[in-house]
N, C-alpha and C. Protein backbone atom coordinates (compact mmCIF):
# COMPACT_ATOMS: atom_id res chain seq x y z
N UNK A 1 4.75 -43.57 -1.65
CA UNK A 1 6.90 -43.08 -2.05
C UNK A 1 6.69 -41.86 -0.94
N UNK A 2 8.04 -42.13 -0.37
CA UNK A 2 8.46 -40.67 0.39
C UNK A 2 8.51 -39.45 -0.47
N UNK A 3 8.28 -38.27 0.24
CA UNK A 3 8.79 -37.17 -1.55
C UNK A 3 10.03 -37.22 -0.94
N UNK A 4 10.34 -36.86 -1.92
CA UNK A 4 12.13 -36.43 -2.44
C UNK A 4 12.20 -35.14 -1.89
N UNK A 5 13.36 -34.73 -1.36
CA UNK A 5 13.81 -33.30 -0.60
C UNK A 5 13.97 -32.09 -1.83
N UNK A 6 14.27 -32.97 -3.46
CA UNK A 6 13.76 -32.08 -4.54
C UNK A 6 12.61 -32.10 -4.83
N UNK A 7 11.67 -32.31 -4.05
CA UNK A 7 10.12 -32.09 -4.70
C UNK A 7 9.55 -31.10 -3.70
N UNK A 8 8.83 -30.30 -4.81
CA UNK A 8 7.63 -28.74 -4.33
C UNK A 8 6.90 -29.83 -4.48
N UNK A 9 5.33 -29.25 -3.32
CA UNK A 9 4.26 -29.21 -4.02
C UNK A 9 3.73 -28.32 -4.41
N UNK A 10 2.78 -28.95 -5.51
CA UNK A 10 2.38 -27.90 -6.90
C UNK A 10 1.66 -26.42 -6.43
N UNK A 11 0.71 -26.36 -5.61
CA UNK A 11 0.64 -25.40 -5.02
C UNK A 11 1.63 -24.26 -4.30
N UNK A 12 2.53 -24.94 -3.77
CA UNK A 12 3.79 -24.12 -3.40
C UNK A 12 4.92 -23.55 -4.21
N UNK A 13 4.84 -24.47 -5.25
CA UNK A 13 5.75 -23.62 -6.70
C UNK A 13 5.15 -23.32 -7.14
N UNK A 14 3.42 -23.15 -7.47
CA UNK A 14 2.97 -22.22 -7.94
C UNK A 14 3.18 -20.51 -7.51
N UNK A 15 2.84 -20.57 -5.93
CA UNK A 15 3.12 -19.09 -5.18
C UNK A 15 4.20 -18.91 -6.02
N UNK A 16 5.61 -19.37 -6.03
CA UNK A 16 6.72 -18.90 -5.56
C UNK A 16 6.75 -18.89 -7.33
N UNK A 17 6.00 -19.29 -8.26
CA UNK A 17 6.36 -18.88 -9.97
C UNK A 17 5.13 -17.63 -10.00
N UNK A 18 4.68 -17.35 -9.33
CA UNK A 18 3.94 -16.13 -9.47
C UNK A 18 4.30 -14.87 -9.93
N UNK A 19 4.15 -14.45 -11.00
CA UNK A 19 4.40 -12.91 -11.19
C UNK A 19 4.34 -12.22 -10.37
N UNK A 20 2.97 -12.08 -9.78
CA UNK A 20 3.28 -10.99 -8.61
C UNK A 20 3.46 -10.66 -7.58
N UNK A 21 4.38 -12.39 -6.82
CA UNK A 21 5.27 -12.44 -6.04
C UNK A 21 6.43 -11.73 -6.01
N UNK A 22 7.07 -12.22 -7.25
CA UNK A 22 8.33 -11.41 -7.75
C UNK A 22 8.13 -10.08 -8.19
N UNK A 23 7.12 -9.74 -8.64
CA UNK A 23 7.53 -8.37 -8.90
C UNK A 23 7.17 -7.65 -7.49
N UNK A 24 6.60 -7.91 -6.87
CA UNK A 24 6.57 -7.36 -5.06
C UNK A 24 7.83 -7.24 -4.67
N UNK A 25 8.47 -8.24 -5.25
CA UNK A 25 9.85 -8.72 -4.38
C UNK A 25 11.07 -7.19 -4.73
N UNK A 26 10.65 -7.61 -6.25
CA UNK A 26 11.24 -6.41 -7.28
C UNK A 26 11.01 -4.88 -6.34
N UNK A 27 10.46 -4.54 -6.09
CA UNK A 27 9.56 -3.20 -5.47
C UNK A 27 10.23 -2.98 -4.18
N UNK A 28 9.78 -4.04 -3.64
CA UNK A 28 10.61 -3.85 -2.11
C UNK A 28 12.09 -4.34 -1.77
N UNK A 29 12.75 -4.80 -3.02
CA UNK A 29 14.24 -4.95 -3.52
C UNK A 29 14.82 -3.22 -3.47
N UNK A 30 14.16 -2.97 -4.60
CA UNK A 30 14.55 -1.65 -4.83
C UNK A 30 14.00 -0.30 -3.91
N UNK A 31 12.81 -0.50 -3.13
CA UNK A 31 12.71 0.58 -2.52
C UNK A 31 13.51 0.75 -1.25
N UNK A 32 14.08 -0.40 -0.65
CA UNK A 32 14.70 -1.15 0.53
C UNK A 32 16.63 -0.42 0.56
N UNK A 33 16.87 -0.21 -0.88
CA UNK A 33 18.02 -0.02 -1.15
C UNK A 33 18.33 1.32 -1.12
N UNK A 34 17.11 1.95 -1.39
CA UNK A 34 17.72 3.46 -1.77
C UNK A 34 17.49 4.00 -0.39
N UNK A 35 16.33 3.03 0.30
CA UNK A 35 15.96 3.80 1.73
C UNK A 35 17.53 3.74 3.08
N UNK A 36 17.75 2.69 2.69
CA UNK A 36 18.90 2.05 2.98
C UNK A 36 20.14 3.62 3.19
N UNK A 37 20.23 3.75 1.87
CA UNK A 37 21.30 4.84 1.33
C UNK A 37 20.73 6.46 2.24
N UNK A 38 19.43 6.48 2.17
CA UNK A 38 18.86 7.90 2.88
C UNK A 38 18.66 7.82 4.46
N UNK A 39 18.77 7.03 4.61
CA UNK A 39 18.32 6.60 6.28
C UNK A 39 19.98 6.76 6.98
N UNK A 40 20.99 6.04 6.28
CA UNK A 40 22.01 5.87 6.78
C UNK A 40 22.47 7.24 6.94
N UNK A 41 22.76 7.93 5.34
CA UNK A 41 22.99 9.53 5.39
C UNK A 41 22.54 10.25 6.74
N UNK A 42 21.30 10.13 6.69
CA UNK A 42 20.45 10.90 7.55
C UNK A 42 20.78 10.91 9.29
N UNK A 43 20.80 9.09 9.35
CA UNK A 43 21.03 9.06 10.95
C UNK A 43 22.68 9.10 11.55
N UNK A 44 23.69 9.61 10.07
CA UNK A 44 24.94 9.63 10.60
C UNK A 44 24.86 11.25 10.75
N UNK A 45 24.41 11.90 9.93
CA UNK A 45 24.02 13.53 9.88
C UNK A 45 23.59 14.00 11.55
N UNK A 46 22.43 12.91 11.70
CA UNK A 46 21.85 13.93 13.14
C UNK A 46 21.97 12.95 14.44
N UNK A 47 23.25 12.02 14.01
CA UNK A 47 23.55 11.35 14.92
C UNK A 47 22.53 10.83 15.51
N UNK A 48 21.55 9.79 15.06
CA UNK A 48 20.84 9.29 15.29
C UNK A 48 21.55 7.37 15.22
N UNK A 49 21.40 6.63 16.44
CA UNK A 49 21.76 4.99 16.25
C UNK A 49 20.07 4.77 15.78
N UNK A 50 19.24 4.86 16.36
CA UNK A 50 17.51 4.24 15.84
C UNK A 50 17.87 4.86 14.40
N UNK A 51 18.06 5.65 13.58
CA UNK A 51 17.98 5.62 12.19
C UNK A 51 19.25 4.61 11.68
N UNK A 52 20.35 5.22 11.92
CA UNK A 52 21.49 3.93 11.36
C UNK A 52 21.13 2.63 11.65
N UNK A 53 20.26 2.11 12.73
CA UNK A 53 19.84 0.88 12.95
C UNK A 53 18.72 0.26 11.37
N UNK A 54 17.56 1.18 11.58
CA UNK A 54 16.78 0.80 10.79
C UNK A 54 17.58 1.22 9.26
N UNK A 55 18.50 1.91 8.92
CA UNK A 55 19.30 1.79 7.67
C UNK A 55 19.56 0.71 7.51
N UNK A 56 20.59 0.06 8.29
CA UNK A 56 20.99 -1.11 8.19
C UNK A 56 20.11 -2.19 8.04
N UNK A 57 18.82 -2.38 8.62
CA UNK A 57 18.05 -3.03 8.73
C UNK A 57 17.25 -3.17 7.06
N UNK A 58 17.09 -1.82 6.47
CA UNK A 58 16.92 -1.61 5.29
C UNK A 58 17.96 -2.65 4.17
N UNK A 59 19.22 -2.31 4.39
CA UNK A 59 20.33 -3.30 3.85
C UNK A 59 20.03 -4.60 3.45
N UNK A 60 19.86 -4.89 4.92
CA UNK A 60 19.63 -6.42 5.32
C UNK A 60 18.59 -6.70 4.59
N UNK A 61 17.32 -6.08 4.73
CA UNK A 61 15.71 -6.39 3.66
C UNK A 61 15.97 -6.25 2.32
N UNK A 62 16.95 -5.66 1.83
CA UNK A 62 17.55 -5.60 0.51
C UNK A 62 17.61 -7.03 0.06
N UNK A 63 18.44 -7.28 0.93
CA UNK A 63 19.38 -8.84 0.30
C UNK A 63 18.79 -9.78 0.69
N UNK A 64 17.97 -9.76 1.84
CA UNK A 64 17.06 -10.55 1.61
C UNK A 64 15.72 -10.97 0.52
N UNK A 65 15.61 -9.80 0.53
CA UNK A 65 14.63 -9.90 -1.31
C UNK A 65 15.76 -10.62 -2.19
N UNK A 66 16.61 -10.22 -2.37
CA UNK A 66 17.40 -10.75 -3.84
C UNK A 66 17.68 -12.13 -3.44
N UNK A 67 17.79 -12.67 -2.03
CA UNK A 67 17.81 -13.82 -2.25
C UNK A 67 16.46 -14.50 -2.46
N UNK A 68 15.40 -14.18 -2.09
CA UNK A 68 13.95 -14.84 -2.48
C UNK A 68 13.75 -14.83 -3.72
N UNK A 69 14.32 -13.87 -4.68
CA UNK A 69 14.06 -13.55 -5.99
C UNK A 69 15.13 -14.90 -6.58
N UNK A 70 16.28 -15.17 -5.91
CA UNK A 70 17.36 -15.91 -6.78
C UNK A 70 16.60 -17.75 -6.59
N UNK A 71 15.90 -17.97 -4.99
CA UNK A 71 15.14 -19.29 -5.09
C UNK A 71 13.70 -19.16 -5.00
N UNK A 72 13.44 -18.26 -5.66
CA UNK A 72 11.90 -18.42 -5.82
C UNK A 72 11.42 -20.01 -7.10
N UNK A 73 10.62 -20.46 -6.76
CA UNK A 73 10.90 -21.48 -8.03
C UNK A 73 11.42 -22.79 -7.79
N UNK A 74 12.22 -23.05 -6.60
CA UNK A 74 13.09 -24.05 -6.15
C UNK A 74 12.51 -24.68 -5.25
N UNK A 75 12.64 -25.98 -5.32
CA UNK A 75 12.43 -26.91 -4.22
C UNK A 75 12.93 -26.38 -2.71
N UNK A 76 11.28 -26.62 -2.20
CA UNK A 76 10.97 -26.26 -0.90
C UNK A 76 12.33 -26.36 0.12
N UNK A 77 13.30 -27.50 -0.21
CA UNK A 77 14.16 -27.62 0.87
C UNK A 77 14.76 -26.40 0.61
N UNK A 78 15.86 -26.29 -1.08
CA UNK A 78 16.13 -24.85 -1.05
C UNK A 78 15.82 -24.09 -0.29
N UNK A 79 14.68 -23.44 -0.58
CA UNK A 79 14.00 -22.27 -0.02
C UNK A 79 14.26 -22.15 1.35
N UNK A 80 13.94 -23.20 1.85
CA UNK A 80 14.29 -23.76 3.69
C UNK A 80 15.74 -23.10 4.10
N UNK A 81 16.81 -23.73 2.95
CA UNK A 81 17.81 -23.24 3.50
C UNK A 81 18.23 -21.57 3.12
N UNK A 82 17.76 -20.80 2.25
CA UNK A 82 17.91 -19.64 2.15
C UNK A 82 17.04 -18.99 3.28
N UNK A 83 15.75 -19.81 3.85
CA UNK A 83 15.49 -18.93 4.80
C UNK A 83 16.61 -19.05 6.19
N UNK A 84 17.11 -20.08 6.07
CA UNK A 84 18.49 -20.06 7.46
C UNK A 84 19.06 -18.95 7.32
N UNK A 85 19.47 -18.70 5.77
CA UNK A 85 20.65 -17.77 6.01
C UNK A 85 20.12 -16.65 5.74
N UNK A 86 18.86 -16.26 5.95
CA UNK A 86 18.29 -14.92 6.15
C UNK A 86 18.13 -14.73 7.79
N UNK A 87 17.33 -15.89 8.52
CA UNK A 87 17.05 -15.78 9.59
C UNK A 87 18.61 -15.00 10.60
N UNK A 88 19.66 -16.43 9.59
CA UNK A 88 20.59 -15.57 10.58
C UNK A 88 21.39 -14.26 10.46
N UNK A 89 20.96 -13.61 9.72
CA UNK A 89 21.17 -12.05 9.21
C UNK A 89 20.37 -11.47 9.62
N UNK A 90 19.58 -11.77 10.10
CA UNK A 90 18.45 -10.92 10.71
C UNK A 90 18.89 -11.10 12.51
N UNK A 91 19.50 -12.36 12.74
CA UNK A 91 19.99 -12.14 14.00
C UNK A 91 21.41 -11.48 14.48
N UNK A 92 22.64 -11.46 13.49
CA UNK A 92 23.73 -10.55 13.27
C UNK A 92 23.15 -9.27 13.60
N UNK A 93 22.08 -9.06 12.68
CA UNK A 93 21.41 -7.35 12.68
C UNK A 93 21.31 -7.34 14.02
N UNK A 94 20.43 -7.97 14.87
CA UNK A 94 19.94 -8.04 15.97
C UNK A 94 21.20 -7.27 17.32
N UNK A 95 21.99 -8.47 16.91
CA UNK A 95 22.99 -8.67 17.89
C UNK A 95 23.61 -6.97 17.65
N UNK A 96 24.22 -6.84 16.64
CA UNK A 96 25.01 -5.85 16.52
C UNK A 96 24.35 -4.74 17.07
N UNK A 97 23.15 -4.40 16.73
CA UNK A 97 22.41 -3.32 17.02
C UNK A 97 22.13 -3.00 18.54
N UNK A 98 22.20 -4.20 19.15
CA UNK A 98 22.15 -4.30 21.09
C UNK A 98 23.85 -3.87 21.39
N UNK A 99 24.21 -4.38 20.76
CA UNK A 99 25.69 -3.78 20.99
C UNK A 99 25.98 -2.49 21.13
N UNK A 100 25.61 -1.52 19.68
CA UNK A 100 25.61 -0.61 19.31
C UNK A 100 25.16 0.43 20.25
N UNK A 101 24.08 -0.05 20.43
CA UNK A 101 22.92 0.69 21.50
C UNK A 101 23.32 0.95 23.41
N UNK A 102 24.17 -0.27 23.55
CA UNK A 102 24.60 -0.26 24.67
C UNK A 102 26.07 0.92 24.86
N UNK A 103 26.56 0.65 23.64
CA UNK A 103 27.49 1.86 23.58
C UNK A 103 27.34 2.96 23.36
N UNK A 104 26.11 3.46 22.92
CA UNK A 104 25.41 4.57 22.97
C UNK A 104 25.40 4.79 24.77
N UNK A 105 24.62 4.16 25.16
CA UNK A 105 24.46 4.29 26.61
C UNK A 105 26.01 4.73 27.80
N UNK A 106 27.01 4.29 26.75
CA UNK A 106 28.02 4.49 27.55
C UNK A 106 28.81 5.32 27.42
N UNK A 107 28.85 5.47 25.99
CA UNK A 107 29.48 6.57 25.50
C UNK A 107 28.71 8.03 25.51
N UNK A 108 27.30 7.96 25.35
CA UNK A 108 26.92 9.19 25.11
C UNK A 108 26.85 8.99 23.68
N UNK A 109 25.26 10.04 23.57
CA UNK A 109 24.85 10.41 22.31
C UNK A 109 24.05 11.93 22.03
N UNK A 110 24.30 12.42 20.86
CA UNK A 110 23.30 13.63 20.83
C UNK A 110 22.46 13.03 19.18
N UNK A 111 21.41 12.65 19.41
CA UNK A 111 20.48 12.48 18.28
C UNK A 111 19.85 13.87 18.00
N UNK A 112 19.60 14.10 16.89
CA UNK A 112 18.90 15.34 16.30
C UNK A 112 17.29 15.03 16.04
N UNK A 113 16.66 15.36 16.91
CA UNK A 113 15.04 14.85 16.56
C UNK A 113 14.59 15.25 15.53
N UNK A 114 14.51 16.27 14.92
CA UNK A 114 13.90 16.76 13.64
C UNK A 114 14.02 16.19 12.69
N UNK A 115 15.24 15.47 12.44
CA UNK A 115 15.79 14.82 11.12
C UNK A 115 15.29 13.11 11.46
N UNK A 116 15.12 12.75 12.58
CA UNK A 116 14.98 11.33 13.16
C UNK A 116 13.37 11.86 12.96
N UNK A 117 12.28 12.84 13.17
CA UNK A 117 11.08 12.49 12.48
C UNK A 117 10.52 12.07 11.22
N UNK A 118 11.66 13.58 10.36
CA UNK A 118 10.92 13.53 8.83
C UNK A 118 11.45 12.05 8.39
N UNK A 119 12.56 11.48 8.73
CA UNK A 119 13.14 10.18 8.13
C UNK A 119 12.27 9.33 8.35
N UNK A 120 11.94 9.40 9.79
CA UNK A 120 11.30 7.97 10.09
C UNK A 120 10.15 7.95 9.59
N UNK A 121 9.31 9.11 9.56
CA UNK A 121 7.83 9.31 8.89
C UNK A 121 7.97 8.65 7.12
N UNK A 122 8.82 9.48 6.57
CA UNK A 122 9.31 8.87 5.57
C UNK A 122 9.51 7.44 5.16
N UNK A 123 10.05 6.71 5.73
CA UNK A 123 10.76 4.78 6.29
C UNK A 123 9.32 4.55 6.09
N UNK A 124 8.74 5.02 7.02
CA UNK A 124 6.97 4.52 7.80
C UNK A 124 6.46 4.15 6.22
N UNK A 125 5.95 5.06 5.44
CA UNK A 125 5.84 5.24 4.39
C UNK A 125 5.92 4.11 3.92
N UNK A 126 7.43 4.55 3.40
CA UNK A 126 7.78 2.89 2.71
C UNK A 126 7.63 1.60 3.22
N UNK A 127 7.80 1.40 4.28
CA UNK A 127 7.49 0.09 4.73
C UNK A 127 6.29 -0.42 4.63
N UNK A 128 5.14 0.43 5.54
CA UNK A 128 3.62 0.38 5.33
C UNK A 128 3.20 -0.30 3.77
N UNK A 129 3.82 0.52 2.46
CA UNK A 129 3.25 0.22 1.34
C UNK A 129 3.96 -0.96 0.99
N UNK A 130 5.43 -1.48 1.51
CA UNK A 130 5.90 -2.74 1.17
C UNK A 130 4.87 -3.73 2.18
N UNK A 131 4.32 -3.50 3.25
CA UNK A 131 3.86 -4.78 4.15
C UNK A 131 2.73 -4.75 3.27
N UNK A 132 2.11 -3.74 3.12
CA UNK A 132 0.58 -3.93 2.16
C UNK A 132 0.66 -4.68 1.22
N UNK A 133 1.55 -4.96 -0.20
CA UNK A 133 2.11 -5.89 -0.75
C UNK A 133 2.48 -7.40 -0.42
N UNK A 134 3.00 -7.48 0.86
CA UNK A 134 3.28 -8.52 0.97
C UNK A 134 2.55 -9.41 1.77
N UNK A 135 1.05 -8.32 2.32
CA UNK A 135 0.09 -9.20 3.08
C UNK A 135 -0.38 -10.43 2.49
N UNK A 136 -0.47 -10.74 0.78
CA UNK A 136 -1.45 -11.72 1.58
C UNK A 136 -0.41 -13.10 1.06
N UNK A 137 0.67 -12.62 1.36
CA UNK A 137 1.98 -13.58 0.46
C UNK A 137 2.58 -14.49 2.20
N UNK A 138 1.87 -13.77 3.67
CA UNK A 138 2.39 -13.75 4.31
C UNK A 138 2.26 -15.02 5.08
N UNK A 139 1.16 -16.57 5.00
CA UNK A 139 1.34 -17.44 5.31
C UNK A 139 2.12 -18.24 4.42
N UNK A 140 2.89 -18.03 3.62
CA UNK A 140 3.91 -19.32 2.90
C UNK A 140 4.62 -20.00 3.37
N UNK A 141 5.47 -20.36 3.19
CA UNK A 141 6.29 -21.33 3.84
C UNK A 141 7.41 -20.35 4.45
N UNK A 142 8.90 -21.04 4.91
CA UNK A 142 9.59 -20.19 5.86
C UNK A 142 10.73 -18.66 4.76
N UNK A 143 10.40 -19.24 3.52
CA UNK A 143 10.80 -17.86 2.46
C UNK A 143 10.30 -17.23 2.40
N UNK A 144 8.58 -17.32 2.73
CA UNK A 144 7.69 -15.89 2.08
C UNK A 144 7.95 -15.38 3.56
N UNK A 145 7.79 -16.63 4.88
CA UNK A 145 7.39 -15.91 6.35
C UNK A 145 8.33 -15.08 6.42
N UNK A 146 9.28 -15.29 6.19
CA UNK A 146 10.54 -14.27 7.00
C UNK A 146 10.68 -13.13 5.92
N UNK A 147 9.97 -13.12 4.75
CA UNK A 147 9.66 -11.97 3.59
C UNK A 147 9.06 -10.63 4.61
N UNK A 148 8.10 -11.46 4.81
CA UNK A 148 6.85 -10.61 5.76
C UNK A 148 6.99 -10.21 7.16
N UNK A 149 7.94 -11.25 7.78
CA UNK A 149 8.00 -10.83 9.17
C UNK A 149 8.99 -9.85 9.37
N UNK A 150 10.00 -10.29 7.85
CA UNK A 150 11.07 -8.63 7.95
C UNK A 150 10.35 -7.02 7.97
N UNK A 151 9.38 -7.25 6.97
CA UNK A 151 8.91 -6.16 6.68
C UNK A 151 7.81 -5.70 8.04
N UNK A 152 7.14 -6.55 8.45
CA UNK A 152 6.68 -6.29 9.52
C UNK A 152 7.44 -5.80 10.91
N UNK A 153 8.57 -6.02 10.84
CA UNK A 153 9.28 -5.62 11.98
C UNK A 153 9.58 -4.14 11.29
N UNK A 154 9.59 -3.97 10.13
CA UNK A 154 10.17 -2.67 10.03
C UNK A 154 9.29 -1.39 10.40
N UNK A 155 8.00 -1.96 9.75
CA UNK A 155 7.34 -0.91 9.60
C UNK A 155 6.99 -0.67 11.37
N UNK A 156 6.77 -1.95 12.37
CA UNK A 156 6.86 -1.43 13.96
C UNK A 156 8.07 -0.56 14.17
N UNK A 157 9.39 -1.22 13.70
CA UNK A 157 11.00 -0.32 13.90
C UNK A 157 10.60 1.09 13.62
N UNK A 158 9.46 1.68 12.67
CA UNK A 158 9.80 3.10 12.19
C UNK A 158 8.50 3.45 12.77
N UNK A 159 7.34 2.89 13.25
CA UNK A 159 6.41 3.75 14.74
C UNK A 159 7.38 4.10 15.82
N UNK A 160 8.36 3.31 16.42
CA UNK A 160 8.99 3.01 17.07
C UNK A 160 10.68 4.44 17.27
N UNK A 161 10.81 4.49 16.18
CA UNK A 161 12.03 5.52 15.55
C UNK A 161 10.63 7.38 15.64
N UNK A 162 9.85 7.06 15.23
CA UNK A 162 8.98 8.11 15.33
C UNK A 162 8.86 8.37 16.61
N UNK A 163 8.46 7.78 17.75
CA UNK A 163 8.37 7.56 19.03
C UNK A 163 9.79 8.46 19.63
N UNK A 164 10.87 7.91 19.54
CA UNK A 164 12.05 8.07 19.80
C UNK A 164 12.66 9.47 19.28
N UNK A 165 11.80 10.33 18.30
CA UNK A 165 12.36 11.42 18.04
C UNK A 165 11.23 12.53 18.83
N UNK A 166 10.29 11.66 18.95
CA UNK A 166 9.18 12.89 20.24
C UNK A 166 9.72 12.75 21.40
N UNK A 167 10.48 11.79 21.80
CA UNK A 167 11.43 10.93 23.23
C UNK A 167 12.44 12.22 23.01
N UNK A 168 13.50 12.39 22.29
CA UNK A 168 14.09 12.85 22.02
C UNK A 168 13.96 14.36 22.07
N UNK A 169 13.38 15.02 21.19
CA UNK A 169 12.79 16.43 21.79
C UNK A 169 11.92 16.62 22.86
N UNK A 170 11.33 16.04 23.44
CA UNK A 170 10.77 16.11 24.52
C UNK A 170 11.85 15.93 26.02
N UNK A 171 12.51 14.92 26.25
CA UNK A 171 13.36 15.38 27.27
C UNK A 171 14.80 15.96 27.01
N UNK A 172 15.15 16.32 25.69
CA UNK A 172 16.13 16.64 25.53
C UNK A 172 17.63 15.88 25.65
N UNK A 173 17.43 14.84 25.89
CA UNK A 173 18.20 13.36 26.16
C UNK A 173 17.95 12.10 24.99
N UNK A 174 19.24 11.19 25.22
CA UNK A 174 19.78 10.73 23.67
C UNK A 174 18.74 9.67 24.36
N UNK A 175 18.31 9.03 25.18
CA UNK A 175 18.42 7.93 25.87
C UNK A 175 16.62 7.68 25.17
N UNK A 176 15.48 7.97 24.70
CA UNK A 176 14.70 7.53 23.51
C UNK A 176 15.33 7.12 22.25
N UNK A 177 16.01 7.63 21.73
CA UNK A 177 16.79 6.92 20.75
C UNK A 177 17.67 5.78 21.16
N UNK A 178 18.29 5.29 22.32
CA UNK A 178 19.50 4.36 22.36
C UNK A 178 17.98 2.91 22.73
N UNK A 179 16.74 3.41 23.17
CA UNK A 179 16.22 2.32 23.65
C UNK A 179 15.35 2.27 22.69
N UNK A 180 14.91 2.55 21.47
CA UNK A 180 14.41 2.10 20.78
C UNK A 180 15.07 1.47 19.60
N UNK A 181 16.49 1.67 19.18
CA UNK A 181 17.46 0.89 18.78
C UNK A 181 17.65 -0.51 19.62
N UNK A 182 17.80 -0.29 20.90
CA UNK A 182 17.19 -1.87 21.23
C UNK A 182 16.29 -2.64 20.82
N UNK A 183 15.00 -1.99 21.26
CA UNK A 183 13.94 -2.30 20.61
C UNK A 183 14.07 -3.29 19.13
N UNK A 184 14.03 -2.22 18.51
CA UNK A 184 14.54 -2.86 17.07
C UNK A 184 15.50 -4.14 17.20
N UNK A 185 16.57 -3.93 17.98
CA UNK A 185 17.14 -4.97 17.79
C UNK A 185 16.59 -6.45 18.28
N UNK A 186 15.65 -6.69 19.37
CA UNK A 186 14.56 -7.77 19.93
C UNK A 186 13.79 -8.18 19.38
N UNK A 187 13.28 -7.23 18.01
CA UNK A 187 12.83 -7.34 17.02
C UNK A 187 13.12 -8.31 16.23
N UNK A 188 14.53 -7.88 15.54
CA UNK A 188 15.24 -8.72 14.64
C UNK A 188 15.45 -9.76 15.06
N UNK A 189 15.84 -10.40 16.36
CA UNK A 189 16.26 -11.46 17.26
C UNK A 189 15.02 -12.22 17.24
N UNK A 190 14.16 -11.74 17.43
CA UNK A 190 12.97 -12.55 17.75
C UNK A 190 12.22 -13.02 16.18
N UNK A 191 12.05 -12.18 15.65
CA UNK A 191 11.84 -12.58 14.17
C UNK A 191 12.50 -13.48 13.61
N UNK A 192 13.67 -13.44 13.80
CA UNK A 192 14.92 -14.88 13.55
C UNK A 192 14.75 -15.82 13.87
N UNK A 193 14.13 -15.87 14.93
CA UNK A 193 13.99 -17.33 16.31
C UNK A 193 12.84 -17.54 15.29
N UNK A 194 11.83 -17.08 15.12
CA UNK A 194 10.45 -17.60 14.29
C UNK A 194 10.54 -18.35 12.73
N UNK A 195 11.81 -17.57 11.87
CA UNK A 195 12.09 -18.24 11.06
C UNK A 195 12.87 -19.05 10.56
N UNK A 196 13.55 -19.47 12.24
CA UNK A 196 14.86 -20.54 12.29
C UNK A 196 13.81 -21.65 12.20
N UNK A 197 12.91 -21.76 13.36
CA UNK A 197 12.34 -22.58 13.74
C UNK A 197 11.14 -23.15 12.74
N UNK A 198 10.29 -21.88 11.69
CA UNK A 198 9.64 -23.10 10.55
C UNK A 198 10.78 -23.49 9.46
N UNK A 199 12.06 -22.83 9.46
CA UNK A 199 12.69 -23.15 8.54
C UNK A 199 13.07 -24.86 8.70
N UNK A 200 13.68 -24.85 10.02
CA UNK A 200 13.92 -25.89 10.17
C UNK A 200 13.00 -27.10 10.30
N UNK A 201 11.92 -26.76 10.56
CA UNK A 201 10.64 -27.53 9.89
C UNK A 201 10.72 -27.84 8.73
N UNK A 202 10.74 -27.04 7.92
CA UNK A 202 10.01 -27.55 6.69
C UNK A 202 11.56 -28.52 6.51
N UNK A 203 12.69 -28.44 6.57
CA UNK A 203 13.89 -28.88 6.13
C UNK A 203 13.51 -30.69 6.60
N UNK A 204 13.30 -30.67 8.12
CA UNK A 204 13.08 -31.76 8.49
C UNK A 204 11.55 -32.83 7.40
N UNK A 205 10.66 -31.70 7.15
CA UNK A 205 9.61 -32.65 6.37
C UNK A 205 10.46 -32.90 4.97
N UNK A 206 11.29 -31.99 4.31
CA UNK A 206 11.85 -32.50 3.01
C UNK A 206 12.35 -34.26 3.12
N UNK A 207 13.04 -34.30 4.88
CA UNK A 207 13.75 -35.58 4.59
C UNK A 207 13.14 -36.77 4.15
N UNK A 208 13.60 -37.62 3.34
CA UNK A 208 12.68 -39.16 3.27
C UNK A 208 12.42 -39.89 4.26
N UNK A 209 11.09 -40.45 4.58
CA UNK A 209 11.30 -40.86 5.39
C UNK A 209 11.77 -42.80 5.24
N UNK A 210 11.65 -43.49 5.71
CA UNK A 210 12.01 -44.91 5.30
C UNK A 210 11.08 -46.06 6.23
């Protein structure tokens, strides 16, 4: 008999009902919400588009973790649909940051590298801790994978912010900050395409065959 779209493989269901998975999501949700506030204030104060872009990424991730908590334990089809929503948000974030960086190249910018470095290091510490907690869940379904990809991209983005801070400090110009914002946009777009592809495949697998 063909599997119903409402059925979920036993081992997959167990993974999503794992208290450790839920606990990690709650930790990630709270940490990302807090870092959004810290980094957005610092980004505006320092005039750094890279920090502001990273702050918005923290906000998007907090929303994604909330969605993951909401669908944990549901059927695979519903989790795949949630992953599609998260992939769309990642794509929207990437396109927005890319346009914001392009505006900075045209209008000009004057970021403050010391603040960028301090806040970038704090963000990297938080994201590395979350990424390590999520490492064991990186090979799950599209919903789990989207959480892993977001955290992985965040850690990479934080390293780029630190590099941008050094670049701004060394050159006295804004282009390293704007370049890093563009790279972060590219990571978000690439990650969204990965999640889209896997989620669509999972939805196709849950359709009944005749």
